[in-house]
N, C-alpha and C. Protein backbone atom coordinates (compact mmCIF):
# COMPACT_ATOMS: atom_id res chain seq x y z
N MET A 1 -50.21 5.14 -14.52
CA MET A 1 -49.57 6.38 -13.89
C MET A 1 -48.09 6.07 -13.75
N ALA A 2 -47.29 6.96 -14.16
CA ALA A 2 -45.84 6.90 -14.11
C ALA A 2 -45.35 7.17 -12.71
N PRO A 3 -44.33 6.49 -12.31
CA PRO A 3 -43.77 6.76 -10.95
C PRO A 3 -43.03 8.12 -10.91
N SER A 4 -43.09 8.81 -9.78
CA SER A 4 -42.55 10.17 -9.61
C SER A 4 -41.09 10.02 -9.09
N LEU A 5 -40.65 8.90 -8.62
CA LEU A 5 -39.32 8.72 -8.09
C LEU A 5 -38.29 8.44 -9.18
N PRO A 6 -37.14 8.96 -9.13
CA PRO A 6 -36.09 8.69 -10.11
C PRO A 6 -35.66 7.22 -9.96
N THR A 7 -35.10 6.69 -11.05
CA THR A 7 -34.55 5.39 -11.01
C THR A 7 -33.27 5.37 -10.16
N PRO A 8 -33.04 4.42 -9.18
CA PRO A 8 -31.96 4.35 -8.40
C PRO A 8 -30.63 4.09 -9.19
N GLU A 9 -29.53 4.67 -8.81
CA GLU A 9 -28.22 4.42 -9.52
C GLU A 9 -27.33 3.95 -8.48
N ALA A 10 -26.34 3.10 -8.87
CA ALA A 10 -25.35 2.59 -7.96
C ALA A 10 -24.28 3.68 -7.61
N LEU A 11 -23.88 3.78 -6.44
CA LEU A 11 -22.84 4.75 -6.03
C LEU A 11 -21.50 4.29 -6.50
N PRO A 12 -20.57 5.17 -6.82
CA PRO A 12 -19.24 4.85 -7.17
C PRO A 12 -18.50 4.05 -6.08
N PRO A 13 -17.63 3.14 -6.38
CA PRO A 13 -16.88 2.46 -5.32
C PRO A 13 -15.97 3.38 -4.57
N THR A 14 -15.72 2.99 -3.29
CA THR A 14 -14.69 3.66 -2.47
C THR A 14 -13.44 2.69 -2.51
N LEU A 15 -12.33 3.20 -3.06
CA LEU A 15 -11.16 2.36 -3.18
C LEU A 15 -10.07 2.77 -2.22
N SER A 16 -9.40 1.82 -1.65
CA SER A 16 -8.31 2.16 -0.67
C SER A 16 -7.17 1.23 -0.78
N GLN A 17 -5.97 1.68 -0.41
CA GLN A 17 -4.79 0.85 -0.56
C GLN A 17 -3.93 1.20 0.72
N LEU A 18 -3.39 0.19 1.46
CA LEU A 18 -2.56 0.43 2.51
C LEU A 18 -1.22 -0.28 2.26
N HIS A 19 -0.15 0.49 2.35
CA HIS A 19 1.25 -0.02 2.13
C HIS A 19 1.93 0.15 3.48
N ARG A 20 2.49 -0.95 3.94
CA ARG A 20 3.09 -0.97 5.27
C ARG A 20 4.40 -1.75 5.28
N ALA A 21 5.42 -1.23 6.03
CA ALA A 21 6.72 -1.88 6.10
C ALA A 21 7.18 -1.60 7.53
N GLU A 22 7.86 -2.57 8.08
CA GLU A 22 8.43 -2.46 9.39
C GLU A 22 9.73 -3.16 9.46
N THR A 23 10.63 -2.72 10.41
CA THR A 23 11.88 -3.38 10.74
C THR A 23 12.13 -3.23 12.24
N ASP A 24 12.90 -4.21 12.66
CA ASP A 24 13.22 -4.28 14.16
C ASP A 24 14.64 -4.78 14.28
N LEU A 25 15.45 -4.00 15.00
CA LEU A 25 16.84 -4.39 15.24
C LEU A 25 17.15 -4.42 16.75
N THR A 26 17.89 -5.42 17.15
CA THR A 26 18.40 -5.48 18.55
C THR A 26 19.87 -5.74 18.46
N TYR A 27 20.63 -5.02 19.31
CA TYR A 27 22.06 -5.22 19.48
C TYR A 27 22.34 -5.47 20.92
N TRP A 28 23.00 -6.59 21.22
CA TRP A 28 23.35 -6.93 22.54
C TRP A 28 24.74 -6.47 22.88
N VAL A 29 24.82 -5.50 23.80
CA VAL A 29 26.15 -4.84 24.23
C VAL A 29 26.90 -5.86 25.14
N THR A 30 26.18 -6.49 26.05
CA THR A 30 26.73 -7.52 26.94
C THR A 30 25.73 -8.58 26.91
N ASP A 31 25.94 -9.62 27.77
CA ASP A 31 24.99 -10.72 27.91
C ASP A 31 23.67 -10.21 28.52
N ARG A 32 23.70 -9.22 29.28
CA ARG A 32 22.55 -8.69 29.99
C ARG A 32 22.00 -7.45 29.48
N LEU A 33 22.66 -6.66 28.73
CA LEU A 33 22.33 -5.35 28.33
C LEU A 33 22.18 -5.24 26.81
N GLY A 34 21.03 -4.78 26.26
CA GLY A 34 20.90 -4.62 24.83
C GLY A 34 20.21 -3.29 24.45
N VAL A 35 20.37 -2.91 23.35
CA VAL A 35 19.66 -1.73 22.78
C VAL A 35 18.95 -2.12 21.46
N GLY A 36 17.91 -1.51 21.25
CA GLY A 36 17.11 -1.94 20.08
C GLY A 36 16.32 -0.74 19.52
N GLY A 37 15.81 -0.84 18.35
CA GLY A 37 15.03 0.14 17.70
C GLY A 37 14.10 -0.52 16.61
N SER A 38 13.03 0.20 16.38
CA SER A 38 12.06 -0.27 15.47
C SER A 38 11.58 0.90 14.56
N TYR A 39 11.24 0.65 13.32
CA TYR A 39 10.70 1.61 12.45
C TYR A 39 9.50 1.08 11.75
N TRP A 40 8.40 1.74 11.66
CA TRP A 40 7.19 1.42 10.96
C TRP A 40 6.89 2.52 9.90
N PHE A 41 6.52 2.07 8.75
CA PHE A 41 6.04 2.95 7.71
C PHE A 41 4.65 2.55 7.23
N GLU A 42 3.80 3.54 7.11
CA GLU A 42 2.44 3.25 6.62
C GLU A 42 2.11 4.33 5.67
N ASP A 43 1.53 3.94 4.49
CA ASP A 43 1.00 4.89 3.52
C ASP A 43 -0.46 4.38 3.18
N PHE A 44 -1.43 5.14 3.47
CA PHE A 44 -2.78 4.88 3.27
C PHE A 44 -3.31 5.83 2.17
N ASP A 45 -3.89 5.27 1.17
CA ASP A 45 -4.53 6.14 0.08
C ASP A 45 -5.96 5.68 -0.15
N VAL A 46 -6.85 6.70 -0.21
CA VAL A 46 -8.26 6.32 -0.42
C VAL A 46 -8.81 7.27 -1.38
N GLU A 47 -9.75 6.67 -2.27
CA GLU A 47 -10.51 7.47 -3.29
C GLU A 47 -11.98 7.31 -2.83
N ASP A 48 -12.49 8.43 -2.27
CA ASP A 48 -13.84 8.41 -1.68
C ASP A 48 -14.68 9.36 -2.52
N PHE A 49 -15.75 8.96 -3.16
CA PHE A 49 -16.51 9.86 -3.99
C PHE A 49 -17.23 10.97 -3.22
N THR A 50 -17.39 10.75 -1.88
CA THR A 50 -18.06 11.85 -1.11
C THR A 50 -17.20 13.01 -0.84
N LEU A 51 -15.87 12.85 -0.99
CA LEU A 51 -14.96 13.94 -0.94
C LEU A 51 -14.45 14.48 -2.19
N ASP A 52 -14.93 13.99 -3.26
CA ASP A 52 -14.59 14.53 -4.67
C ASP A 52 -15.14 15.86 -4.89
N VAL A 53 -14.37 16.60 -5.68
CA VAL A 53 -14.81 18.05 -5.97
C VAL A 53 -16.15 18.09 -6.69
N GLU A 54 -16.37 17.02 -7.52
CA GLU A 54 -17.70 17.10 -8.35
C GLU A 54 -18.85 16.84 -7.31
N SER A 55 -18.64 16.05 -6.33
CA SER A 55 -19.69 15.72 -5.40
C SER A 55 -20.05 16.87 -4.44
N THR A 56 -19.08 17.55 -4.00
CA THR A 56 -19.21 18.66 -3.02
C THR A 56 -18.34 19.77 -3.47
N PRO A 57 -18.84 20.60 -4.36
CA PRO A 57 -18.01 21.76 -4.90
C PRO A 57 -17.85 22.82 -3.87
N ASN A 58 -18.73 23.01 -2.90
CA ASN A 58 -18.69 24.12 -2.04
C ASN A 58 -17.86 23.78 -0.77
N LEU A 59 -17.30 22.62 -0.68
CA LEU A 59 -16.60 22.16 0.54
C LEU A 59 -15.17 22.78 0.54
N LEU A 60 -14.88 23.47 1.51
CA LEU A 60 -13.46 24.06 1.57
C LEU A 60 -12.66 22.98 2.19
N ARG A 61 -11.77 22.38 1.35
CA ARG A 61 -11.00 21.23 1.86
C ARG A 61 -10.12 21.42 2.97
N GLY A 62 -9.47 22.58 3.10
CA GLY A 62 -8.54 22.87 4.23
C GLY A 62 -9.23 23.38 5.45
N ASN A 63 -10.48 23.77 5.37
CA ASN A 63 -11.17 24.41 6.53
C ASN A 63 -12.31 23.55 6.99
N THR A 64 -12.35 22.32 6.69
CA THR A 64 -13.53 21.48 7.03
C THR A 64 -13.16 20.43 8.08
N ALA A 65 -13.93 20.32 9.13
CA ALA A 65 -13.71 19.28 10.11
C ALA A 65 -14.77 18.13 9.80
N LEU A 66 -14.32 16.97 9.45
CA LEU A 66 -15.17 15.86 9.10
C LEU A 66 -15.21 14.97 10.39
N LEU A 67 -16.13 15.23 11.27
CA LEU A 67 -16.19 14.52 12.55
C LEU A 67 -16.67 13.07 12.25
N GLY A 68 -15.91 12.07 12.84
CA GLY A 68 -16.27 10.67 12.69
C GLY A 68 -15.80 10.07 11.42
N TYR A 69 -15.04 10.88 10.51
CA TYR A 69 -14.65 10.22 9.27
C TYR A 69 -13.25 9.67 9.42
N LEU A 70 -13.14 8.33 9.38
CA LEU A 70 -11.90 7.69 9.62
C LEU A 70 -10.98 7.41 8.43
N TYR A 71 -11.58 7.52 7.21
CA TYR A 71 -10.90 7.08 6.10
C TYR A 71 -10.24 8.29 5.42
N ARG A 72 -9.20 8.76 5.98
CA ARG A 72 -8.50 9.93 5.39
C ARG A 72 -7.11 9.47 5.02
N PRO A 73 -6.71 9.84 3.85
CA PRO A 73 -5.26 9.49 3.35
C PRO A 73 -4.22 9.94 4.36
N TYR A 74 -3.18 9.13 4.61
CA TYR A 74 -2.10 9.57 5.54
C TYR A 74 -0.82 8.84 5.12
N THR A 75 0.20 9.37 5.61
CA THR A 75 1.57 8.74 5.61
C THR A 75 2.14 8.88 6.97
N ALA A 76 2.53 7.73 7.52
CA ALA A 76 3.02 7.80 8.91
C ALA A 76 4.47 7.15 9.03
N ASN A 77 5.34 7.71 9.75
CA ASN A 77 6.71 7.22 9.99
C ASN A 77 6.82 7.14 11.51
N THR A 78 7.00 5.96 12.03
CA THR A 78 7.08 5.84 13.57
C THR A 78 8.39 5.13 13.86
N PHE A 79 9.03 5.65 14.93
CA PHE A 79 10.31 5.23 15.40
C PHE A 79 10.18 4.88 16.86
N TRP A 80 10.78 3.79 17.35
CA TRP A 80 10.89 3.38 18.68
C TRP A 80 12.37 3.09 19.03
N ALA A 81 12.77 3.38 20.22
CA ALA A 81 14.09 3.07 20.74
C ALA A 81 13.83 2.42 22.12
N ARG A 82 14.64 1.39 22.39
CA ARG A 82 14.47 0.69 23.71
C ARG A 82 15.81 0.19 24.30
N LEU A 83 15.78 0.09 25.51
CA LEU A 83 16.90 -0.44 26.26
C LEU A 83 16.53 -1.72 26.98
N ILE A 84 17.16 -2.77 26.79
CA ILE A 84 16.78 -4.13 27.28
C ILE A 84 17.83 -4.54 28.39
N TYR A 85 17.23 -5.01 29.54
CA TYR A 85 18.14 -5.45 30.50
C TYR A 85 17.56 -6.82 31.02
N ARG A 86 18.41 -7.88 30.90
CA ARG A 86 17.99 -9.25 31.44
C ARG A 86 18.37 -9.36 32.83
N TRP A 87 17.48 -9.91 33.77
CA TRP A 87 17.83 -10.14 35.10
C TRP A 87 18.63 -11.36 35.33
């Protein structure tokens, strides 16, 4: 008797890349007072077969809330400024 279940196939891989850079500068105005700033850049790219058009053709990409889905592509620019005072 032939099996009624289809042969299992491997799922496509999920690929991701994270590019990150940061810089931090401090300038001492006096011996006790300084100012500083930081900048972070992150660019995360992911290829997920579950969000591919061929996998889910009826999914409206701009109108869908994917609850609990953490692997979304993003680009982030973060700036910090600080005032330093030595006692």
